[in-house]
Amino acid sequence: DIEGSTALWQSRPEAMRRLLPRHDELVAG
């Protein structure tokens, strides 16, 4: 579970759009 993901989506949506797919790829891999 990503800590504080809702707050990050609200305060840094562009960063989350870039980081979340990389996070998903890393965890699944």
PDB file of all heavy atoms in Angstrom:
ATOM      1  N   ASP A   1       0.856  -1.181   0.000  1.00  0.00           N
ATOM      2  CA  ASP A   1       0.000   0.000   0.000  1.00  0.00           C
ATOM      3  C   ASP A   1       0.894   1.235   0.000  1.00  0.00           C
ATOM      4  O   ASP A   1       1.799   1.338   0.832  1.00  0.00           O
ATOM      5  CB  ASP A   1      -0.885  -0.003   1.247  1.00  0.00           C
ATOM      6  CG  ASP A   1      -1.773   1.217   1.331  1.00  0.00           C
ATOM      7  OD1 ASP A   1      -2.575   1.435   0.410  1.00  0.00           O
ATOM      8  OD2 ASP A   1      -1.646   1.953   2.319  1.00  0.00           O
ATOM      9  N   ILE A   2       0.664   2.157  -0.917  1.00  0.00           N
ATOM     10  CA  ILE A   2       1.434   3.395  -0.950  1.00  0.00           C
ATOM     11  C   ILE A   2       0.945   4.303   0.168  1.00  0.00           C
ATOM     12  O   ILE A   2      -0.247   4.621   0.246  1.00  0.00           O
ATOM     13  CB  ILE A   2       1.293   4.112  -2.311  1.00  0.00           C
ATOM     14  CG1 ILE A   2       1.869   3.244  -3.428  1.00  0.00           C
ATOM     15  CG2 ILE A   2       1.987   5.475  -2.276  1.00  0.00           C
ATOM     16  CD1 ILE A   2       1.633   3.795  -4.830  1.00  0.00           C
ATOM     17  N   GLU A   3       1.858   4.716   1.034  1.00  0.00           N
ATOM     18  CA  GLU A   3       1.508   5.612   2.137  1.00  0.00           C
ATOM     19  C   GLU A   3       1.119   6.979   1.602  1.00  0.00           C
ATOM     20  O   GLU A   3       1.824   7.551   0.777  1.00  0.00           O
ATOM     21  CB  GLU A   3       2.695   5.781   3.085  1.00  0.00           C
ATOM     22  CG  GLU A   3       3.035   4.545   3.857  1.00  0.00           C
ATOM     23  CD  GLU A   3       4.172   4.783   4.830  1.00  0.00           C
ATOM     24  OE1 GLU A   3       4.437   5.944   5.206  1.00  0.00           O
ATOM     25  OE2 GLU A   3       4.801   3.795   5.219  1.00  0.00           O
ATOM     26  N   GLY A   4      -0.002   7.496   2.063  1.00  0.00           N
ATOM     27  CA  GLY A   4      -0.427   8.844   1.715  1.00  0.00           C
ATOM     28  C   GLY A   4      -0.734   9.049   0.239  1.00  0.00           C
ATOM     29  O   GLY A   4      -0.615  10.160  -0.274  1.00  0.00           O
ATOM     30  N   SER A   5      -1.180   8.003  -0.434  1.00  0.00           N
ATOM     31  CA  SER A   5      -1.406   8.124  -1.878  1.00  0.00           C
ATOM     32  C   SER A   5      -2.495   9.144  -2.224  1.00  0.00           C
ATOM     33  O   SER A   5      -2.367   9.877  -3.206  1.00  0.00           O
ATOM     34  CB  SER A   5      -1.746   6.770  -2.497  1.00  0.00           C
ATOM     35  OG  SER A   5      -2.946   6.252  -1.954  1.00  0.00           O
ATOM     36  N   THR A   6      -3.537   9.227  -1.418  1.00  0.00           N
ATOM     37  CA  THR A   6      -4.599  10.200  -1.702  1.00  0.00           C
ATOM     38  C   THR A   6      -4.052  11.621  -1.619  1.00  0.00           C
ATOM     39  O   THR A   6      -4.308  12.448  -2.505  1.00  0.00           O
ATOM     40  CB  THR A   6      -5.776  10.015  -0.732  1.00  0.00           C
ATOM     41  OG1 THR A   6      -6.280   8.679  -0.869  1.00  0.00           O
ATOM     42  CG2 THR A   6      -6.883  11.012  -1.017  1.00  0.00           C
ATOM     43  N   ALA A   7      -3.276  11.896  -0.586  1.00  0.00           N
ATOM     44  CA  ALA A   7      -2.678  13.232  -0.451  1.00  0.00           C
ATOM     45  C   ALA A   7      -1.717  13.517  -1.597  1.00  0.00           C
ATOM     46  O   ALA A   7      -1.670  14.647  -2.110  1.00  0.00           O
ATOM     47  CB  ALA A   7      -1.959  13.352   0.893  1.00  0.00           C
ATOM     48  N   LEU A   8      -0.945  12.523  -2.015  1.00  0.00           N
ATOM     49  CA  LEU A   8      -0.033  12.722  -3.156  1.00  0.00           C
ATOM     50  C   LEU A   8      -0.810  12.992  -4.441  1.00  0.00           C
ATOM     51  O   LEU A   8      -0.408  13.839  -5.242  1.00  0.00           O
ATOM     52  CB  LEU A   8       0.883  11.514  -3.327  1.00  0.00           C
ATOM     53  CG  LEU A   8       2.047  11.418  -2.360  1.00  0.00           C
ATOM     54  CD1 LEU A   8       2.739  10.063  -2.480  1.00  0.00           C
ATOM     55  CD2 LEU A   8       3.032  12.547  -2.605  1.00  0.00           C
ATOM     56  N   TRP A   9      -1.899  12.278  -4.650  1.00  0.00           N
ATOM     57  CA  TRP A   9      -2.716  12.532  -5.848  1.00  0.00           C
ATOM     58  C   TRP A   9      -3.267  13.959  -5.827  1.00  0.00           C
ATOM     59  O   TRP A   9      -3.376  14.594  -6.866  1.00  0.00           O
ATOM     60  CB  TRP A   9      -3.869  11.531  -5.961  1.00  0.00           C
ATOM     61  CG  TRP A   9      -3.483  10.256  -6.639  1.00  0.00           C
ATOM     62  CD1 TRP A   9      -3.385   9.022  -6.081  1.00  0.00           C
ATOM     63  CD2 TRP A   9      -3.132  10.086  -8.016  1.00  0.00           C
ATOM     64  NE1 TRP A   9      -2.998   8.098  -7.019  1.00  0.00           N
ATOM     65  CE2 TRP A   9      -2.847   8.719  -8.212  1.00  0.00           C
ATOM     66  CE3 TRP A   9      -3.039  10.956  -9.102  1.00  0.00           C
ATOM     67  CZ2 TRP A   9      -2.466   8.202  -9.454  1.00  0.00           C
ATOM     68  CZ3 TRP A   9      -2.654  10.435 -10.338  1.00  0.00           C
ATOM     69  CH2 TRP A   9      -2.376   9.083 -10.509  1.00  0.00           C
ATOM     70  N   GLN A  10      -3.613  14.446  -4.650  1.00  0.00           N
ATOM     71  CA  GLN A  10      -4.161  15.800  -4.554  1.00  0.00           C
ATOM     72  C   GLN A  10      -3.089  16.870  -4.698  1.00  0.00           C
ATOM     73  O   GLN A  10      -3.316  17.889  -5.340  1.00  0.00           O
ATOM     74  CB  GLN A  10      -4.902  15.966  -3.224  1.00  0.00           C
ATOM     75  CG  GLN A  10      -6.155  15.136  -3.158  1.00  0.00           C
ATOM     76  CD  GLN A  10      -6.786  15.112  -1.775  1.00  0.00           C
ATOM     77  OE1 GLN A  10      -6.156  15.420  -0.773  1.00  0.00           O
ATOM     78  NE2 GLN A  10      -8.054  14.727  -1.728  1.00  0.00           N
ATOM     79  N   SER A  11      -1.933  16.644  -4.091  1.00  0.00           N
ATOM     80  CA  SER A  11      -0.895  17.682  -4.091  1.00  0.00           C
ATOM     81  C   SER A  11       0.097  17.555  -5.240  1.00  0.00           C
ATOM     82  O   SER A  11       0.676  18.558  -5.663  1.00  0.00           O
ATOM     83  CB  SER A  11      -0.135  17.669  -2.763  1.00  0.00           C
ATOM     84  OG  SER A  11       0.596  16.465  -2.625  1.00  0.00           O
ATOM     85  N   ARG A  12       0.318  16.359  -5.749  1.00  0.00           N
ATOM     86  CA  ARG A  12       1.329  16.130  -6.786  1.00  0.00           C
ATOM     87  C   ARG A  12       0.800  15.179  -7.864  1.00  0.00           C
ATOM     88  O   ARG A  12       1.383  14.122  -8.112  1.00  0.00           O
ATOM     89  CB  ARG A  12       2.586  15.528  -6.157  1.00  0.00           C
ATOM     90  CG  ARG A  12       3.159  16.295  -4.970  1.00  0.00           C
ATOM     91  CD  ARG A  12       3.542  17.733  -5.285  1.00  0.00           C
ATOM     92  NE  ARG A  12       4.745  17.865  -6.054  1.00  0.00           N
ATOM     93  CZ  ARG A  12       5.969  17.868  -5.567  1.00  0.00           C
ATOM     94  NH1 ARG A  12       6.168  17.745  -4.279  1.00  0.00           N
ATOM     95  NH2 ARG A  12       6.991  18.013  -6.372  1.00  0.00           N
ATOM     96  N   PRO A  13      -0.309  15.528  -8.520  1.00  0.00           N
ATOM     97  CA  PRO A  13      -0.918  14.581  -9.465  1.00  0.00           C
ATOM     98  C   PRO A  13      -0.012  14.208 -10.642  1.00  0.00           C
ATOM     99  O   PRO A  13      -0.016  13.049 -11.081  1.00  0.00           O
ATOM    100  CB  PRO A  13      -2.180  15.306  -9.941  1.00  0.00           C
ATOM    101  CG  PRO A  13      -1.942  16.748  -9.658  1.00  0.00           C
ATOM    102  CD  PRO A  13      -1.061  16.782  -8.444  1.00  0.00           C
ATOM    103  N   GLU A  14       0.764  15.144 -11.152  1.00  0.00           N
ATOM    104  CA  GLU A  14       1.635  14.806 -12.282  1.00  0.00           C
ATOM    105  C   GLU A  14       2.730  13.839 -11.869  1.00  0.00           C
ATOM    106  O   GLU A  14       3.056  12.907 -12.614  1.00  0.00           O
ATOM    107  CB  GLU A  14       2.239  16.079 -12.892  1.00  0.00           C
ATOM    108  CG  GLU A  14       1.221  16.928 -13.642  1.00  0.00           C
ATOM    109  CD  GLU A  14       0.465  16.138 -14.714  1.00  0.00           C
ATOM    110  OE1 GLU A  14       1.108  15.369 -15.478  1.00  0.00           O
ATOM    111  OE2 GLU A  14      -0.765  16.268 -14.772  1.00  0.00           O
ATOM    112  N   ALA A  15       3.293  14.048 -10.688  1.00  0.00           N
ATOM    113  CA  ALA A  15       4.314  13.121 -10.189  1.00  0.00           C
ATOM    114  C   ALA A  15       3.714  11.730 -10.005  1.00  0.00           C
ATOM    115  O   ALA A  15       4.342  10.723 -10.359  1.00  0.00           O
ATOM    116  CB  ALA A  15       4.901  13.631  -8.877  1.00  0.00           C
ATOM    117  N   MET A  16       2.501  11.643  -9.476  1.00  0.00           N
ATOM    118  CA  MET A  16       1.855  10.340  -9.295  1.00  0.00           C
ATOM    119  C   MET A  16       1.570   9.676 -10.634  1.00  0.00           C
ATOM    120  O   MET A  16       1.731   8.463 -10.765  1.00  0.00           O
ATOM    121  CB  MET A  16       0.565  10.492  -8.486  1.00  0.00           C
ATOM    122  CG  MET A  16       0.796  10.698  -7.009  1.00  0.00           C
ATOM    123  SD  MET A  16       1.593   9.275  -6.217  1.00  0.00           S
ATOM    124  CE  MET A  16       0.213   8.140  -6.108  1.00  0.00           C
ATOM    125  N   ARG A  17       1.167  10.451 -11.626  1.00  0.00           N
ATOM    126  CA  ARG A  17       0.911   9.869 -12.954  1.00  0.00           C
ATOM    127  C   ARG A  17       2.179   9.247 -13.535  1.00  0.00           C
ATOM    128  O   ARG A  17       2.120   8.256 -14.252  1.00  0.00           O
ATOM    129  CB  ARG A  17       0.370  10.931 -13.903  1.00  0.00           C
ATOM    130  CG  ARG A  17      -1.077  11.209 -13.719  1.00  0.00           C
ATOM    131  CD  ARG A  17      -1.650  12.145 -14.791  1.00  0.00           C
ATOM    132  NE  ARG A  17      -2.976  12.531 -14.396  1.00  0.00           N
ATOM    133  CZ  ARG A  17      -3.269  13.620 -13.687  1.00  0.00           C
ATOM    134  NH1 ARG A  17      -2.310  14.445 -13.301  1.00  0.00           N
ATOM    135  NH2 ARG A  17      -4.507  13.884 -13.345  1.00  0.00           N
ATOM    136  N   ARG A  18       3.316   9.836 -13.226  1.00  0.00           N
ATOM    137  CA  ARG A  18       4.579   9.297 -13.735  1.00  0.00           C
ATOM    138  C   ARG A  18       5.098   8.149 -12.856  1.00  0.00           C
ATOM    139  O   ARG A  18       5.667   7.192 -13.365  1.00  0.00           O
ATOM    140  CB  ARG A  18       5.629  10.401 -13.806  1.00  0.00           C
ATOM    141  CG  ARG A  18       5.367  11.399 -14.921  1.00  0.00           C
ATOM    142  CD  ARG A  18       6.520  12.364 -15.107  1.00  0.00           C
ATOM    143  NE  ARG A  18       6.774  13.193 -13.941  1.00  0.00           N
ATOM    144  CZ  ARG A  18       6.177  14.357 -13.684  1.00  0.00           C
ATOM    145  NH1 ARG A  18       5.283  14.830 -14.523  1.00  0.00           N
ATOM    146  NH2 ARG A  18       6.472  15.043 -12.595  1.00  0.00           N
ATOM    147  N   LEU A  19       4.923   8.267 -11.535  1.00  0.00           N
ATOM    148  CA  LEU A  19       5.488   7.268 -10.627  1.00  0.00           C
ATOM    149  C   LEU A  19       4.669   5.988 -10.501  1.00  0.00           C
ATOM    150  O   LEU A  19       5.238   4.899 -10.352  1.00  0.00           O
ATOM    151  CB  LEU A  19       5.653   7.870  -9.225  1.00  0.00           C
ATOM    152  CG  LEU A  19       6.807   8.828  -9.035  1.00  0.00           C
ATOM    153  CD1 LEU A  19       6.740   9.465  -7.647  1.00  0.00           C
ATOM    154  CD2 LEU A  19       8.130   8.117  -9.221  1.00  0.00           C
ATOM    155  N   LEU A  20       3.355   6.086 -10.547  1.00  0.00           N
ATOM    156  CA  LEU A  20       2.531   4.909 -10.296  1.00  0.00           C
ATOM    157  C   LEU A  20       2.790   3.774 -11.290  1.00  0.00           C
ATOM    158  O   LEU A  20       2.954   2.624 -10.875  1.00  0.00           O
ATOM    159  CB  LEU A  20       1.049   5.274 -10.237  1.00  0.00           C
ATOM    160  CG  LEU A  20       0.154   4.207  -9.628  1.00  0.00           C
ATOM    161  CD1 LEU A  20       0.580   3.848  -8.207  1.00  0.00           C
ATOM    162  CD2 LEU A  20      -1.290   4.645  -9.644  1.00  0.00           C
ATOM    163  N   PRO A  21       2.886   4.043 -12.598  1.00  0.00           N
ATOM    164  CA  PRO A  21       3.199   2.931 -13.510  1.00  0.00           C
ATOM    165  C   PRO A  21       4.575   2.316 -13.242  1.00  0.00           C
ATOM    166  O   PRO A  21       4.744   1.096 -13.355  1.00  0.00           O
ATOM    167  CB  PRO A  21       3.156   3.575 -14.896  1.00  0.00           C
ATOM    168  CG  PRO A  21       2.323   4.796 -14.734  1.00  0.00           C
ATOM    169  CD  PRO A  21       2.576   5.271 -13.329  1.00  0.00           C
ATOM    170  N   ARG A  22       5.537   3.128 -12.845  1.00  0.00           N
ATOM    171  CA  ARG A  22       6.865   2.608 -12.523  1.00  0.00           C
ATOM    172  C   ARG A  22       6.813   1.764 -11.250  1.00  0.00           C
ATOM    173  O   ARG A  22       7.452   0.716 -11.154  1.00  0.00           O
ATOM    174  CB  ARG A  22       7.857   3.766 -12.395  1.00  0.00           C
ATOM    175  CG  ARG A  22       8.081   4.459 -13.747  1.00  0.00           C
ATOM    176  CD  ARG A  22       8.802   5.779 -13.646  1.00  0.00           C
ATOM    177  NE  ARG A  22      10.096   5.671 -12.998  1.00  0.00           N
ATOM    178  CZ  ARG A  22      10.728   6.694 -12.429  1.00  0.00           C
ATOM    179  NH1 ARG A  22      10.188   7.899 -12.434  1.00  0.00           N
ATOM    180  NH2 ARG A  22      11.890   6.525 -11.861  1.00  0.00           N
ATOM    181  N   HIS A  23       6.045   2.229 -10.262  1.00  0.00           N
ATOM    182  CA  HIS A  23       5.817   1.462  -9.030  1.00  0.00           C
ATOM    183  C   HIS A  23       5.187   0.118  -9.365  1.00  0.00           C
ATOM    184  O   HIS A  23       5.632  -0.939  -8.913  1.00  0.00           O
ATOM    185  CB  HIS A  23       4.908   2.276  -8.092  1.00  0.00           C
ATOM    186  CG  HIS A  23       4.192   1.469  -7.066  1.00  0.00           C
ATOM    187  ND1 HIS A  23       2.969   0.861  -7.328  1.00  0.00           N
ATOM    188  CD2 HIS A  23       4.496   1.167  -5.787  1.00  0.00           C
ATOM    189  CE1 HIS A  23       2.572   0.218  -6.245  1.00  0.00           C
ATOM    190  NE2 HIS A  23       3.472   0.393  -5.294  1.00  0.00           N
ATOM    191  N   ASP A  24       4.130   0.145 -10.171  1.00  0.00           N
ATOM    192  CA  ASP A  24       3.417  -1.086 -10.522  1.00  0.00           C
ATOM    193  C   ASP A  24       4.338  -2.083 -11.223  1.00  0.00           C
ATOM    194  O   ASP A  24       4.314  -3.278 -10.924  1.00  0.00           O
ATOM    195  CB  ASP A  24       2.222  -0.773 -11.418  1.00  0.00           C
ATOM    196  CG  ASP A  24       1.139   0.019 -10.714  1.00  0.00           C
ATOM    197  OD1 ASP A  24       1.217   0.212  -9.476  1.00  0.00           O
ATOM    198  OD2 ASP A  24       0.211   0.470 -11.412  1.00  0.00           O
ATOM    199  N   GLU A  25       5.139  -1.587 -12.157  1.00  0.00           N
ATOM    200  CA  GLU A  25       6.062  -2.451 -12.892  1.00  0.00           C
ATOM    201  C   GLU A  25       7.102  -3.059 -11.946  1.00  0.00           C
ATOM    202  O   GLU A  25       7.416  -4.247 -12.026  1.00  0.00           O
ATOM    203  CB  GLU A  25       6.756  -1.639 -13.984  1.00  0.00           C
ATOM    204  CG  GLU A  25       7.669  -2.448 -14.860  1.00  0.00           C
ATOM    205  CD  GLU A  25       8.284  -1.587 -15.950  1.00  0.00           C
ATOM    206  OE1 GLU A  25       7.563  -0.787 -16.570  1.00  0.00           O
ATOM    207  OE2 GLU A  25       9.507  -1.727 -16.160  1.00  0.00           O
ATOM    208  N   LEU A  26       7.625  -2.247 -11.040  1.00  0.00           N
ATOM    209  CA  LEU A  26       8.633  -2.727 -10.098  1.00  0.00           C
ATOM    210  C   LEU A  26       8.054  -3.816  -9.193  1.00  0.00           C
ATOM    211  O   LEU A  26       8.645  -4.890  -9.043  1.00  0.00           O
ATOM    212  CB  LEU A  26       9.160  -1.561  -9.257  1.00  0.00           C
ATOM    213  CG  LEU A  26      10.258  -1.930  -8.273  1.00  0.00           C
ATOM    214  CD1 LEU A  26      11.334  -0.856  -8.268  1.00  0.00           C
ATOM    215  CD2 LEU A  26       9.716  -2.123  -6.882  1.00  0.00           C
ATOM    216  N   VAL A  27       6.905  -3.549  -8.581  1.00  0.00           N
ATOM    217  CA  VAL A  27       6.311  -4.526  -7.662  1.00  0.00           C
ATOM    218  C   VAL A  27       5.970  -5.818  -8.401  1.00  0.00           C
ATOM    219  O   VAL A  27       6.342  -6.914  -7.957  1.00  0.00           O
ATOM    220  CB  VAL A  27       5.070  -3.952  -6.945  1.00  0.00           C
ATOM    221  CG1 VAL A  27       4.373  -5.034  -6.117  1.00  0.00           C
ATOM    222  CG2 VAL A  27       5.461  -2.780  -6.053  1.00  0.00           C
ATOM    223  N   ALA A  28       5.286  -5.726  -9.528  1.00  0.00           N
ATOM    224  CA  ALA A  28       4.910  -6.926 -10.274  1.00  0.00           C
ATOM    225  C   ALA A  28       6.147  -7.706 -10.717  1.00  0.00           C
ATOM    226  O   ALA A  28       6.159  -8.947 -10.654  1.00  0.00           O
ATOM    227  CB  ALA A  28       4.051  -6.548 -11.479  1.00  0.00           C
ATOM    228  N   GLY A  29       7.180  -7.009 -11.132  1.00  0.00           N
ATOM    229  CA  GLY A  29       8.410  -7.667 -11.567  1.00  0.00           C
ATOM    230  C   GLY A  29       9.106  -8.404 -10.438  1.00  0.00           C
ATOM    231  O   GLY A  29       9.582  -9.535 -10.610  1.00  0.00           O
TER     232      GLY A  29
END
